[in-house]
mmCIF file of all heavy atoms, coordinates in Angstrom:
data_MODEL
# 
_entry.id   MODEL 
# 
loop_
_atom_site.group_PDB 
_atom_site.id 
_atom_site.type_symbol 
_atom_site.label_atom_id 
_atom_site.label_alt_id 
_atom_site.label_comp_id 
_atom_site.label_asym_id 
_atom_site.label_entity_id 
_atom_site.label_seq_id 
_atom_site.pdbx_PDB_ins_code 
_atom_site.Cartn_x 
_atom_site.Cartn_y 
_atom_site.Cartn_z 
_atom_site.occupancy 
_atom_site.B_iso_or_equiv 
_atom_site.pdbx_formal_charge 
_atom_site.auth_seq_id 
_atom_site.auth_comp_id 
_atom_site.auth_asym_id 
_atom_site.auth_atom_id 
_atom_site.pdbx_PDB_model_num 
ATOM 1   N N   . LEU A 1 1  ? -3.247  -9.690  -2.019  1.00 0.00 ? 1  LEU A N   1 
ATOM 2   C CA  . LEU A 1 1  ? -2.675  -9.971  -0.717  1.00 0.00 ? 1  LEU A CA  1 
ATOM 3   C C   . LEU A 1 1  ? -2.593  -11.477 -0.560  1.00 0.00 ? 1  LEU A C   1 
ATOM 4   O O   . LEU A 1 1  ? -3.591  -12.166 -0.472  1.00 0.00 ? 1  LEU A O   1 
ATOM 5   C CB  . LEU A 1 1  ? -3.541  -9.373  0.405   1.00 0.00 ? 1  LEU A CB  1 
ATOM 6   C CG  . LEU A 1 1  ? -3.356  -7.878  0.660   1.00 0.00 ? 1  LEU A CG  1 
ATOM 7   C CD1 . LEU A 1 1  ? -4.608  -7.281  1.253   1.00 0.00 ? 1  LEU A CD1 1 
ATOM 8   C CD2 . LEU A 1 1  ? -2.176  -7.655  1.608   1.00 0.00 ? 1  LEU A CD2 1 
ATOM 9   N N   . ALA A 1 2  ? -1.350  -12.006 -0.551  1.00 0.00 ? 2  ALA A N   1 
ATOM 10  C CA  . ALA A 1 2  ? -1.115  -13.448 -0.599  1.00 0.00 ? 2  ALA A CA  1 
ATOM 11  C C   . ALA A 1 2  ? -0.522  -13.933 0.724   1.00 0.00 ? 2  ALA A C   1 
ATOM 12  O O   . ALA A 1 2  ? 0.422   -13.339 1.247   1.00 0.00 ? 2  ALA A O   1 
ATOM 13  C CB  . ALA A 1 2  ? -0.161  -13.797 -1.756  1.00 0.00 ? 2  ALA A CB  1 
ATOM 14  N N   . PHE A 1 3  ? -1.095  -15.024 1.250   1.00 0.00 ? 3  PHE A N   1 
ATOM 15  C CA  . PHE A 1 3  ? -0.694  -15.529 2.578   1.00 0.00 ? 3  PHE A CA  1 
ATOM 16  C C   . PHE A 1 3  ? -0.368  -17.022 2.518   1.00 0.00 ? 3  PHE A C   1 
ATOM 17  O O   . PHE A 1 3  ? -0.961  -17.766 1.696   1.00 0.00 ? 3  PHE A O   1 
ATOM 18  C CB  . PHE A 1 3  ? -1.817  -15.292 3.582   1.00 0.00 ? 3  PHE A CB  1 
ATOM 19  C CG  . PHE A 1 3  ? -2.141  -13.835 3.772   1.00 0.00 ? 3  PHE A CG  1 
ATOM 20  C CD1 . PHE A 1 3  ? -3.092  -13.216 3.007   1.00 0.00 ? 3  PHE A CD1 1 
ATOM 21  C CD2 . PHE A 1 3  ? -1.485  -13.092 4.727   1.00 0.00 ? 3  PHE A CD2 1 
ATOM 22  C CE1 . PHE A 1 3  ? -3.412  -11.866 3.166   1.00 0.00 ? 3  PHE A CE1 1 
ATOM 23  C CE2 . PHE A 1 3  ? -1.744  -11.731 4.906   1.00 0.00 ? 3  PHE A CE2 1 
ATOM 24  C CZ  . PHE A 1 3  ? -2.740  -11.129 4.110   1.00 0.00 ? 3  PHE A CZ  1 
ATOM 25  N N   . ASP A 1 4  ? 0.504   -17.439 3.405   1.00 0.00 ? 4  ASP A N   1 
ATOM 26  C CA  . ASP A 1 4  ? 0.812   -18.867 3.535   1.00 0.00 ? 4  ASP A CA  1 
ATOM 27  C C   . ASP A 1 4  ? -0.114  -19.507 4.581   1.00 0.00 ? 4  ASP A C   1 
ATOM 28  O O   . ASP A 1 4  ? -1.015  -18.835 5.113   1.00 0.00 ? 4  ASP A O   1 
ATOM 29  C CB  . ASP A 1 4  ? 2.287   -19.104 3.878   1.00 0.00 ? 4  ASP A CB  1 
ATOM 30  C CG  . ASP A 1 4  ? 2.693   -18.548 5.241   1.00 0.00 ? 4  ASP A CG  1 
ATOM 31  O OD1 . ASP A 1 4  ? 1.772   -18.230 6.088   1.00 0.00 ? 4  ASP A OD1 1 
ATOM 32  O OD2 . ASP A 1 4  ? 3.909   -18.418 5.498   1.00 0.00 ? 4  ASP A OD2 1 
ATOM 33  N N   . GLY A 1 5  ? 0.078   -20.765 4.856   1.00 0.00 ? 5  GLY A N   1 
ATOM 34  C CA  . GLY A 1 5  ? -0.797  -21.494 5.750   1.00 0.00 ? 5  GLY A CA  1 
ATOM 35  C C   . GLY A 1 5  ? -0.736  -20.983 7.182   1.00 0.00 ? 5  GLY A C   1 
ATOM 36  O O   . GLY A 1 5  ? -1.680  -21.212 7.963   1.00 0.00 ? 5  GLY A O   1 
ATOM 37  N N   . ALA A 1 6  ? 0.317   -20.286 7.551   1.00 0.00 ? 6  ALA A N   1 
ATOM 38  C CA  . ALA A 1 6  ? 0.432   -19.717 8.918   1.00 0.00 ? 6  ALA A CA  1 
ATOM 39  C C   . ALA A 1 6  ? -0.129  -18.303 8.962   1.00 0.00 ? 6  ALA A C   1 
ATOM 40  O O   . ALA A 1 6  ? -0.054  -17.669 10.032  1.00 0.00 ? 6  ALA A O   1 
ATOM 41  C CB  . ALA A 1 6  ? 1.896   -19.743 9.352   1.00 0.00 ? 6  ALA A CB  1 
ATOM 42  N N   . GLY A 1 7  ? -0.668  -17.827 7.861   1.00 0.00 ? 7  GLY A N   1 
ATOM 43  C CA  . GLY A 1 7  ? -1.246  -16.483 7.864   1.00 0.00 ? 7  GLY A CA  1 
ATOM 44  C C   . GLY A 1 7  ? -0.219  -15.389 7.657   1.00 0.00 ? 7  GLY A C   1 
ATOM 45  O O   . GLY A 1 7  ? -0.530  -14.201 7.888   1.00 0.00 ? 7  GLY A O   1 
ATOM 46  N N   . GLU A 1 8  ? 0.965   -15.724 7.193   1.00 0.00 ? 8  GLU A N   1 
ATOM 47  C CA  . GLU A 1 8  ? 2.035   -14.728 6.986   1.00 0.00 ? 8  GLU A CA  1 
ATOM 48  C C   . GLU A 1 8  ? 1.963   -14.209 5.543   1.00 0.00 ? 8  GLU A C   1 
ATOM 49  O O   . GLU A 1 8  ? 1.785   -14.986 4.594   1.00 0.00 ? 8  GLU A O   1 
ATOM 50  C CB  . GLU A 1 8  ? 3.411   -15.345 7.233   1.00 0.00 ? 8  GLU A CB  1 
ATOM 51  C CG  . GLU A 1 8  ? 3.634   -15.740 8.688   1.00 0.00 ? 8  GLU A CG  1 
ATOM 52  C CD  . GLU A 1 8  ? 3.575   -14.556 9.666   1.00 0.00 ? 8  GLU A CD  1 
ATOM 53  O OE1 . GLU A 1 8  ? 4.107   -13.488 9.287   1.00 0.00 ? 8  GLU A OE1 1 
ATOM 54  O OE2 . GLU A 1 8  ? 3.025   -14.705 10.753  1.00 0.00 ? 8  GLU A OE2 1 
ATOM 55  N N   . LEU A 1 9  ? 2.155   -12.886 5.404   1.00 0.00 ? 9  LEU A N   1 
ATOM 56  C CA  . LEU A 1 9  ? 2.158   -12.284 4.089   1.00 0.00 ? 9  LEU A CA  1 
ATOM 57  C C   . LEU A 1 9  ? 3.371   -12.746 3.305   1.00 0.00 ? 9  LEU A C   1 
ATOM 58  O O   . LEU A 1 9  ? 4.495   -12.678 3.795   1.00 0.00 ? 9  LEU A O   1 
ATOM 59  C CB  . LEU A 1 9  ? 2.158   -10.743 4.220   1.00 0.00 ? 9  LEU A CB  1 
ATOM 60  C CG  . LEU A 1 9  ? 2.010   -9.931  2.943   1.00 0.00 ? 9  LEU A CG  1 
ATOM 61  C CD1 . LEU A 1 9  ? 0.608   -10.107 2.363   1.00 0.00 ? 9  LEU A CD1 1 
ATOM 62  C CD2 . LEU A 1 9  ? 2.290   -8.454  3.211   1.00 0.00 ? 9  LEU A CD2 1 
ATOM 63  N N   . LEU A 1 10 ? 3.155   -13.237 2.079   1.00 0.00 ? 10 LEU A N   1 
ATOM 64  C CA  . LEU A 1 10 ? 4.213   -13.825 1.294   1.00 0.00 ? 10 LEU A CA  1 
ATOM 65  C C   . LEU A 1 10 ? 4.975   -12.823 0.432   1.00 0.00 ? 10 LEU A C   1 
ATOM 66  O O   . LEU A 1 10 ? 6.134   -13.021 0.092   1.00 0.00 ? 10 LEU A O   1 
ATOM 67  C CB  . LEU A 1 10 ? 3.640   -14.915 0.373   1.00 0.00 ? 10 LEU A CB  1 
ATOM 68  C CG  . LEU A 1 10 ? 3.169   -16.195 1.097   1.00 0.00 ? 10 LEU A CG  1 
ATOM 69  C CD1 . LEU A 1 10 ? 2.370   -17.061 0.171   1.00 0.00 ? 10 LEU A CD1 1 
ATOM 70  C CD2 . LEU A 1 10 ? 4.355   -16.925 1.637   1.00 0.00 ? 10 LEU A CD2 1 
ATOM 71  N N   . THR A 1 11 ? 4.274   -11.734 0.045   1.00 0.00 ? 11 THR A N   1 
ATOM 72  C CA  . THR A 1 11 ? 4.880   -10.710 -0.829  1.00 0.00 ? 11 THR A CA  1 
ATOM 73  C C   . THR A 1 11 ? 4.185   -9.402  -0.540  1.00 0.00 ? 11 THR A C   1 
ATOM 74  O O   . THR A 1 11 ? 3.003   -9.407  -0.142  1.00 0.00 ? 11 THR A O   1 
ATOM 75  C CB  . THR A 1 11 ? 4.756   -11.107 -2.328  1.00 0.00 ? 11 THR A CB  1 
ATOM 76  O OG1 . THR A 1 11 ? 5.522   -10.212 -3.131  1.00 0.00 ? 11 THR A OG1 1 
ATOM 77  C CG2 . THR A 1 11 ? 3.314   -11.129 -2.767  1.00 0.00 ? 11 THR A CG2 1 
ATOM 78  N N   . PRO A 1 12 ? 4.819   -8.252  -0.657  1.00 0.00 ? 12 PRO A N   1 
ATOM 79  C CA  . PRO A 1 12 ? 4.144   -7.010  -0.329  1.00 0.00 ? 12 PRO A CA  1 
ATOM 80  C C   . PRO A 1 12 ? 2.848   -6.856  -1.092  1.00 0.00 ? 12 PRO A C   1 
ATOM 81  O O   . PRO A 1 12 ? 2.702   -7.254  -2.234  1.00 0.00 ? 12 PRO A O   1 
ATOM 82  C CB  . PRO A 1 12 ? 5.177   -5.935  -0.755  1.00 0.00 ? 12 PRO A CB  1 
ATOM 83  C CG  . PRO A 1 12 ? 6.493   -6.622  -0.569  1.00 0.00 ? 12 PRO A CG  1 
ATOM 84  C CD  . PRO A 1 12 ? 6.264   -8.053  -0.990  1.00 0.00 ? 12 PRO A CD  1 
ATOM 85  N N   . PHE A 1 13 ? 1.867   -6.239  -0.417  1.00 0.00 ? 13 PHE A N   1 
ATOM 86  C CA  . PHE A 1 13 ? 0.554   -5.974  -0.985  1.00 0.00 ? 13 PHE A CA  1 
ATOM 87  C C   . PHE A 1 13 ? 0.684   -5.253  -2.314  1.00 0.00 ? 13 PHE A C   1 
ATOM 88  O O   . PHE A 1 13 ? 1.345   -4.232  -2.412  1.00 0.00 ? 13 PHE A O   1 
ATOM 89  C CB  . PHE A 1 13 ? -0.231  -5.104  0.017   1.00 0.00 ? 13 PHE A CB  1 
ATOM 90  C CG  . PHE A 1 13 ? -1.577  -4.588  -0.443  1.00 0.00 ? 13 PHE A CG  1 
ATOM 91  C CD1 . PHE A 1 13 ? -2.352  -5.263  -1.375  1.00 0.00 ? 13 PHE A CD1 1 
ATOM 92  C CD2 . PHE A 1 13 ? -2.051  -3.395  0.058   1.00 0.00 ? 13 PHE A CD2 1 
ATOM 93  C CE1 . PHE A 1 13 ? -3.574  -4.778  -1.794  1.00 0.00 ? 13 PHE A CE1 1 
ATOM 94  C CE2 . PHE A 1 13 ? -3.283  -2.875  -0.336  1.00 0.00 ? 13 PHE A CE2 1 
ATOM 95  C CZ  . PHE A 1 13 ? -4.034  -3.590  -1.277  1.00 0.00 ? 13 PHE A CZ  1 
ATOM 96  N N   . ARG A 1 14 ? 0.047   -5.793  -3.363  1.00 0.00 ? 14 ARG A N   1 
ATOM 97  C CA  . ARG A 1 14 ? 0.051   -5.172  -4.678  1.00 0.00 ? 14 ARG A CA  1 
ATOM 98  C C   . ARG A 1 14 ? -1.328  -4.554  -4.893  1.00 0.00 ? 14 ARG A C   1 
ATOM 99  O O   . ARG A 1 14 ? -2.330  -5.274  -4.959  1.00 0.00 ? 14 ARG A O   1 
ATOM 100 C CB  . ARG A 1 14 ? 0.385   -6.206  -5.766  1.00 0.00 ? 14 ARG A CB  1 
ATOM 101 C CG  . ARG A 1 14 ? 1.740   -6.818  -5.522  1.00 0.00 ? 14 ARG A CG  1 
ATOM 102 C CD  . ARG A 1 14 ? 2.015   -8.059  -6.363  1.00 0.00 ? 14 ARG A CD  1 
ATOM 103 N NE  . ARG A 1 14 ? 3.287   -8.682  -5.935  1.00 0.00 ? 14 ARG A NE  1 
ATOM 104 C CZ  . ARG A 1 14 ? 3.833   -9.742  -6.502  1.00 0.00 ? 14 ARG A CZ  1 
ATOM 105 N NH1 . ARG A 1 14 ? 3.238   -10.319 -7.546  1.00 0.00 ? 14 ARG A NH1 1 
ATOM 106 N NH2 . ARG A 1 14 ? 4.977   -10.243 -6.022  1.00 0.00 ? 14 ARG A NH2 1 
ATOM 107 N N   . THR A 1 15 ? -1.390  -3.267  -5.000  1.00 0.00 ? 15 THR A N   1 
ATOM 108 C CA  . THR A 1 15 ? -2.681  -2.582  -5.056  1.00 0.00 ? 15 THR A CA  1 
ATOM 109 C C   . THR A 1 15 ? -3.246  -2.600  -6.485  1.00 0.00 ? 15 THR A C   1 
ATOM 110 O O   . THR A 1 15 ? -2.575  -2.954  -7.445  1.00 0.00 ? 15 THR A O   1 
ATOM 111 C CB  . THR A 1 15 ? -2.588  -1.111  -4.593  1.00 0.00 ? 15 THR A CB  1 
ATOM 112 O OG1 . THR A 1 15 ? -2.010  -0.320  -5.636  1.00 0.00 ? 15 THR A OG1 1 
ATOM 113 C CG2 . THR A 1 15 ? -1.731  -0.989  -3.363  1.00 0.00 ? 15 THR A CG2 1 
ATOM 114 N N   . TRP A 1 16 ? -4.493  -2.145  -6.600  1.00 0.00 ? 16 TRP A N   1 
ATOM 115 C CA  . TRP A 1 16 ? -5.177  -2.026  -7.880  1.00 0.00 ? 16 TRP A CA  1 
ATOM 116 C C   . TRP A 1 16 ? -4.426  -1.113  -8.862  1.00 0.00 ? 16 TRP A C   1 
ATOM 117 O O   . TRP A 1 16 ? -4.597  -1.213  -10.079 1.00 0.00 ? 16 TRP A O   1 
ATOM 118 C CB  . TRP A 1 16 ? -6.573  -1.397  -7.677  1.00 0.00 ? 16 TRP A CB  1 
ATOM 119 C CG  . TRP A 1 16 ? -6.498  0.011   -7.087  1.00 0.00 ? 16 TRP A CG  1 
ATOM 120 C CD1 . TRP A 1 16 ? -6.503  0.309   -5.761  1.00 0.00 ? 16 TRP A CD1 1 
ATOM 121 C CD2 . TRP A 1 16 ? -6.386  1.225   -7.788  1.00 0.00 ? 16 TRP A CD2 1 
ATOM 122 N NE1 . TRP A 1 16 ? -6.398  1.679   -5.581  1.00 0.00 ? 16 TRP A NE1 1 
ATOM 123 C CE2 . TRP A 1 16 ? -6.328  2.251   -6.827  1.00 0.00 ? 16 TRP A CE2 1 
ATOM 124 C CE3 . TRP A 1 16 ? -6.349  1.564   -9.138  1.00 0.00 ? 16 TRP A CE3 1 
ATOM 125 C CZ2 . TRP A 1 16 ? -6.226  3.604   -7.171  1.00 0.00 ? 16 TRP A CZ2 1 
ATOM 126 C CZ3 . TRP A 1 16 ? -6.223  2.917   -9.483  1.00 0.00 ? 16 TRP A CZ3 1 
ATOM 127 C CH2 . TRP A 1 16 ? -6.172  3.923   -8.476  1.00 0.00 ? 16 TRP A CH2 1 
ATOM 128 N N   . ARG A 1 17 ? -3.551  -0.242  -8.345  1.00 0.00 ? 17 ARG A N   1 
ATOM 129 C CA  . ARG A 1 17 ? -2.900  0.750   -9.166  1.00 0.00 ? 17 ARG A CA  1 
ATOM 130 C C   . ARG A 1 17 ? -1.812  0.176   -10.056 1.00 0.00 ? 17 ARG A C   1 
ATOM 131 O O   . ARG A 1 17 ? -1.363  0.796   -11.032 1.00 0.00 ? 17 ARG A O   1 
ATOM 132 C CB  . ARG A 1 17 ? -2.338  1.848   -8.287  1.00 0.00 ? 17 ARG A CB  1 
ATOM 133 C CG  . ARG A 1 17 ? -2.079  3.151   -8.985  1.00 0.00 ? 17 ARG A CG  1 
ATOM 134 C CD  . ARG A 1 17 ? -1.690  4.257   -7.983  1.00 0.00 ? 17 ARG A CD  1 
ATOM 135 N NE  . ARG A 1 17 ? -1.537  5.522   -8.683  1.00 0.00 ? 17 ARG A NE  1 
ATOM 136 C CZ  . ARG A 1 17 ? -1.179  6.637   -8.075  1.00 0.00 ? 17 ARG A CZ  1 
ATOM 137 N NH1 . ARG A 1 17 ? -0.938  6.651   -6.759  1.00 0.00 ? 17 ARG A NH1 1 
ATOM 138 N NH2 . ARG A 1 17 ? -1.057  7.787   -8.739  1.00 0.00 ? 17 ARG A NH2 1 
ATOM 139 N N   . ASN A 1 18 ? -1.364  -1.035  -9.762  1.00 0.00 ? 18 ASN A N   1 
ATOM 140 C CA  . ASN A 1 18 ? -0.280  -1.648  -10.523 1.00 0.00 ? 18 ASN A CA  1 
ATOM 141 C C   . ASN A 1 18 ? -0.776  -2.157  -11.874 1.00 0.00 ? 18 ASN A C   1 
ATOM 142 O O   . ASN A 1 18 ? -1.826  -2.797  -11.962 1.00 0.00 ? 18 ASN A O   1 
ATOM 143 C CB  . ASN A 1 18 ? 0.348   -2.787  -9.726  1.00 0.00 ? 18 ASN A CB  1 
ATOM 144 C CG  . ASN A 1 18 ? 1.099   -2.283  -8.503  1.00 0.00 ? 18 ASN A CG  1 
ATOM 145 O OD1 . ASN A 1 18 ? 2.160   -1.715  -8.623  1.00 0.00 ? 18 ASN A OD1 1 
ATOM 146 N ND2 . ASN A 1 18 ? 0.521   -2.506  -7.339  1.00 0.00 ? 18 ASN A ND2 1 
ATOM 147 N N   . THR A 1 19 ? -0.034  -1.893  -12.898 1.00 0.00 ? 19 THR A N   1 
ATOM 148 C CA  . THR A 1 19 ? -0.399  -2.297  -14.256 1.00 0.00 ? 19 THR A CA  1 
ATOM 149 C C   . THR A 1 19 ? 0.684   -3.184  -14.870 1.00 0.00 ? 19 THR A C   1 
ATOM 150 O O   . THR A 1 19 ? 0.826   -3.227  -16.113 1.00 0.00 ? 19 THR A O   1 
ATOM 151 C CB  . THR A 1 19 ? -0.654  -1.070  -15.141 1.00 0.00 ? 19 THR A CB  1 
ATOM 152 O OG1 . THR A 1 19 ? 0.516   -0.216  -15.146 1.00 0.00 ? 19 THR A OG1 1 
ATOM 153 C CG2 . THR A 1 19 ? -1.844  -0.278  -14.650 1.00 0.00 ? 19 THR A CG2 1 
ATOM 154 N N   . ASN A 1 20 ? 1.443   -3.901  -14.023 1.00 0.00 ? 20 ASN A N   1 
ATOM 155 C CA  . ASN A 1 20 ? 2.534   -4.741  -14.522 1.00 0.00 ? 20 ASN A CA  1 
ATOM 156 C C   . ASN A 1 20 ? 2.074   -6.176  -14.731 1.00 0.00 ? 20 ASN A C   1 
ATOM 157 O O   . ASN A 1 20 ? 2.881   -7.111  -14.660 1.00 0.00 ? 20 ASN A O   1 
ATOM 158 C CB  . ASN A 1 20 ? 3.712   -4.677  -13.527 1.00 0.00 ? 20 ASN A CB  1 
ATOM 159 C CG  . ASN A 1 20 ? 3.304   -5.056  -12.127 1.00 0.00 ? 20 ASN A CG  1 
ATOM 160 O OD1 . ASN A 1 20 ? 2.144   -5.270  -11.822 1.00 0.00 ? 20 ASN A OD1 1 
ATOM 161 N ND2 . ASN A 1 20 ? 4.291   -5.144  -11.218 1.00 0.00 ? 20 ASN A ND2 1 
ATOM 162 N N   . THR A 1 21 ? 0.781   -6.352  -14.955 1.00 0.00 ? 21 THR A N   1 
ATOM 163 C CA  . THR A 1 21 ? 0.205   -7.695  -15.145 1.00 0.00 ? 21 THR A CA  1 
ATOM 164 C C   . THR A 1 21 ? -0.315  -7.883  -16.575 1.00 0.00 ? 21 THR A C   1 
ATOM 165 O O   . THR A 1 21 ? -1.258  -8.627  -16.803 1.00 0.00 ? 21 THR A O   1 
ATOM 166 C CB  . THR A 1 21 ? -0.956  -7.898  -14.164 1.00 0.00 ? 21 THR A CB  1 
ATOM 167 O OG1 . THR A 1 21 ? -1.925  -6.847  -14.351 1.00 0.00 ? 21 THR A OG1 1 
ATOM 168 C CG2 . THR A 1 21 ? -0.497  -7.844  -12.711 1.00 0.00 ? 21 THR A CG2 1 
ATOM 169 N N   . GLY A 1 22 ? 0.309   -7.206  -17.511 1.00 0.00 ? 22 GLY A N   1 
ATOM 170 C CA  . GLY A 1 22 ? -0.200  -7.193  -18.880 1.00 0.00 ? 22 GLY A CA  1 
ATOM 171 C C   . GLY A 1 22 ? -0.244  -8.559  -19.512 1.00 0.00 ? 22 GLY A C   1 
ATOM 172 O O   . GLY A 1 22 ? -1.255  -8.893  -20.190 1.00 0.00 ? 22 GLY A O   1 
ATOM 173 N N   . ASP A 1 23 ? 0.787   -9.377  -19.335 1.00 0.00 ? 23 ASP A N   1 
ATOM 174 C CA  . ASP A 1 23 ? 0.781   -10.696 -19.956 1.00 0.00 ? 23 ASP A CA  1 
ATOM 175 C C   . ASP A 1 23 ? -0.365  -11.563 -19.412 1.00 0.00 ? 23 ASP A C   1 
ATOM 176 O O   . ASP A 1 23 ? -1.085  -12.229 -20.158 1.00 0.00 ? 23 ASP A O   1 
ATOM 177 C CB  . ASP A 1 23 ? 2.102   -11.413 -19.739 1.00 0.00 ? 23 ASP A CB  1 
ATOM 178 C CG  . ASP A 1 23 ? 3.255   -10.790 -20.508 1.00 0.00 ? 23 ASP A CG  1 
ATOM 179 O OD1 . ASP A 1 23 ? 2.966   -10.034 -21.477 1.00 0.00 ? 23 ASP A OD1 1 
ATOM 180 O OD2 . ASP A 1 23 ? 4.418   -11.041 -20.146 1.00 0.00 ? 23 ASP A OD2 1 
ATOM 181 N N   . ALA A 1 24 ? -0.532  -11.529 -18.073 1.00 0.00 ? 24 ALA A N   1 
ATOM 182 C CA  . ALA A 1 24 ? -1.602  -12.312 -17.463 1.00 0.00 ? 24 ALA A CA  1 
ATOM 183 C C   . ALA A 1 24 ? -2.981  -11.827 -17.889 1.00 0.00 ? 24 ALA A C   1 
ATOM 184 O O   . ALA A 1 24 ? -3.867  -12.607 -18.218 1.00 0.00 ? 24 ALA A O   1 
ATOM 185 C CB  . ALA A 1 24 ? -1.472  -12.255 -15.943 1.00 0.00 ? 24 ALA A CB  1 
ATOM 186 N N   . SER A 1 25 ? -3.127  -10.515 -17.895 1.00 0.00 ? 25 SER A N   1 
ATOM 187 C CA  . SER A 1 25 ? -4.402  -9.916  -18.282 1.00 0.00 ? 25 SER A CA  1 
ATOM 188 C C   . SER A 1 25 ? -4.797  -10.324 -19.708 1.00 0.00 ? 25 SER A C   1 
ATOM 189 O O   . SER A 1 25 ? -5.924  -10.726 -20.001 1.00 0.00 ? 25 SER A O   1 
ATOM 190 C CB  . SER A 1 25 ? -4.341  -8.401  -18.147 1.00 0.00 ? 25 SER A CB  1 
ATOM 191 O OG  . SER A 1 25 ? -5.494  -7.813  -18.705 1.00 0.00 ? 25 SER A OG  1 
ATOM 192 N N   . GLU A 1 26 ? -3.825  -10.231 -20.613 1.00 0.00 ? 26 GLU A N   1 
ATOM 193 C CA  . GLU A 1 26 ? -4.095  -10.540 -22.032 1.00 0.00 ? 26 GLU A CA  1 
ATOM 194 C C   . GLU A 1 26 ? -4.404  -12.023 -22.223 1.00 0.00 ? 26 GLU A C   1 
ATOM 195 O O   . GLU A 1 26 ? -5.375  -12.381 -22.921 1.00 0.00 ? 26 GLU A O   1 
ATOM 196 C CB  . GLU A 1 26 ? -2.886  -10.141 -22.863 1.00 0.00 ? 26 GLU A CB  1 
ATOM 197 C CG  . GLU A 1 26 ? -3.069  -10.348 -24.353 1.00 0.00 ? 26 GLU A CG  1 
ATOM 198 C CD  . GLU A 1 26 ? -1.855  -9.852  -25.143 1.00 0.00 ? 26 GLU A CD  1 
ATOM 199 O OE1 . GLU A 1 26 ? -1.090  -9.037  -24.644 1.00 0.00 ? 26 GLU A OE1 1 
ATOM 200 O OE2 . GLU A 1 26 ? -1.681  -10.307 -26.288 1.00 0.00 ? 26 GLU A OE2 1 
ATOM 201 N N   . GLN A 1 27 ? -3.614  -12.887 -21.586 1.00 0.00 ? 27 GLN A N   1 
ATOM 202 C CA  . GLN A 1 27 ? -3.834  -14.324 -21.768 1.00 0.00 ? 27 GLN A CA  1 
ATOM 203 C C   . GLN A 1 27 ? -5.145  -14.776 -21.161 1.00 0.00 ? 27 GLN A C   1 
ATOM 204 O O   . GLN A 1 27 ? -5.906  -15.533 -21.788 1.00 0.00 ? 27 GLN A O   1 
ATOM 205 C CB  . GLN A 1 27 ? -2.695  -15.093 -21.144 1.00 0.00 ? 27 GLN A CB  1 
ATOM 206 C CG  . GLN A 1 27 ? -1.359  -14.967 -21.873 1.00 0.00 ? 27 GLN A CG  1 
ATOM 207 C CD  . GLN A 1 27 ? -0.271  -15.790 -21.244 1.00 0.00 ? 27 GLN A CD  1 
ATOM 208 O OE1 . GLN A 1 27 ? -0.493  -16.887 -20.719 1.00 0.00 ? 27 GLN A OE1 1 
ATOM 209 N NE2 . GLN A 1 27 ? 0.981   -15.297 -21.298 1.00 0.00 ? 27 GLN A NE2 1 
ATOM 210 N N   . LEU A 1 28 ? -5.460  -14.331 -19.942 1.00 0.00 ? 28 LEU A N   1 
ATOM 211 C CA  . LEU A 1 28 ? -6.704  -14.751 -19.294 1.00 0.00 ? 28 LEU A CA  1 
ATOM 212 C C   . LEU A 1 28 ? -7.921  -14.237 -20.056 1.00 0.00 ? 28 LEU A C   1 
ATOM 213 O O   . LEU A 1 28 ? -8.916  -14.944 -20.199 1.00 0.00 ? 28 LEU A O   1 
ATOM 214 C CB  . LEU A 1 28 ? -6.705  -14.302 -17.855 1.00 0.00 ? 28 LEU A CB  1 
ATOM 215 C CG  . LEU A 1 28 ? -5.700  -14.988 -16.911 1.00 0.00 ? 28 LEU A CG  1 
ATOM 216 C CD1 . LEU A 1 28 ? -5.757  -14.362 -15.516 1.00 0.00 ? 28 LEU A CD1 1 
ATOM 217 C CD2 . LEU A 1 28 ? -5.975  -16.486 -16.828 1.00 0.00 ? 28 LEU A CD2 1 
ATOM 218 N N   . SER A 1 29 ? -7.848  -12.990 -20.512 1.00 0.00 ? 29 SER A N   1 
ATOM 219 C CA  . SER A 1 29 ? -8.974  -12.436 -21.232 1.00 0.00 ? 29 SER A CA  1 
ATOM 220 C C   . SER A 1 29 ? -9.259  -13.240 -22.492 1.00 0.00 ? 29 SER A C   1 
ATOM 221 O O   . SER A 1 29 ? -10.441 -13.513 -22.833 1.00 0.00 ? 29 SER A O   1 
ATOM 222 C CB  . SER A 1 29 ? -8.683  -10.953 -21.623 1.00 0.00 ? 29 SER A CB  1 
ATOM 223 O OG  . SER A 1 29 ? -8.597  -10.155 -20.445 1.00 0.00 ? 29 SER A OG  1 
# 
């Protein structure tokens, strides 16, 4: 859940169920 300085949501809530973060997961690990 990402917010700007005014407290506004910047992009729709991405839940734990999403698995489209493979590149980030692999690189960070």
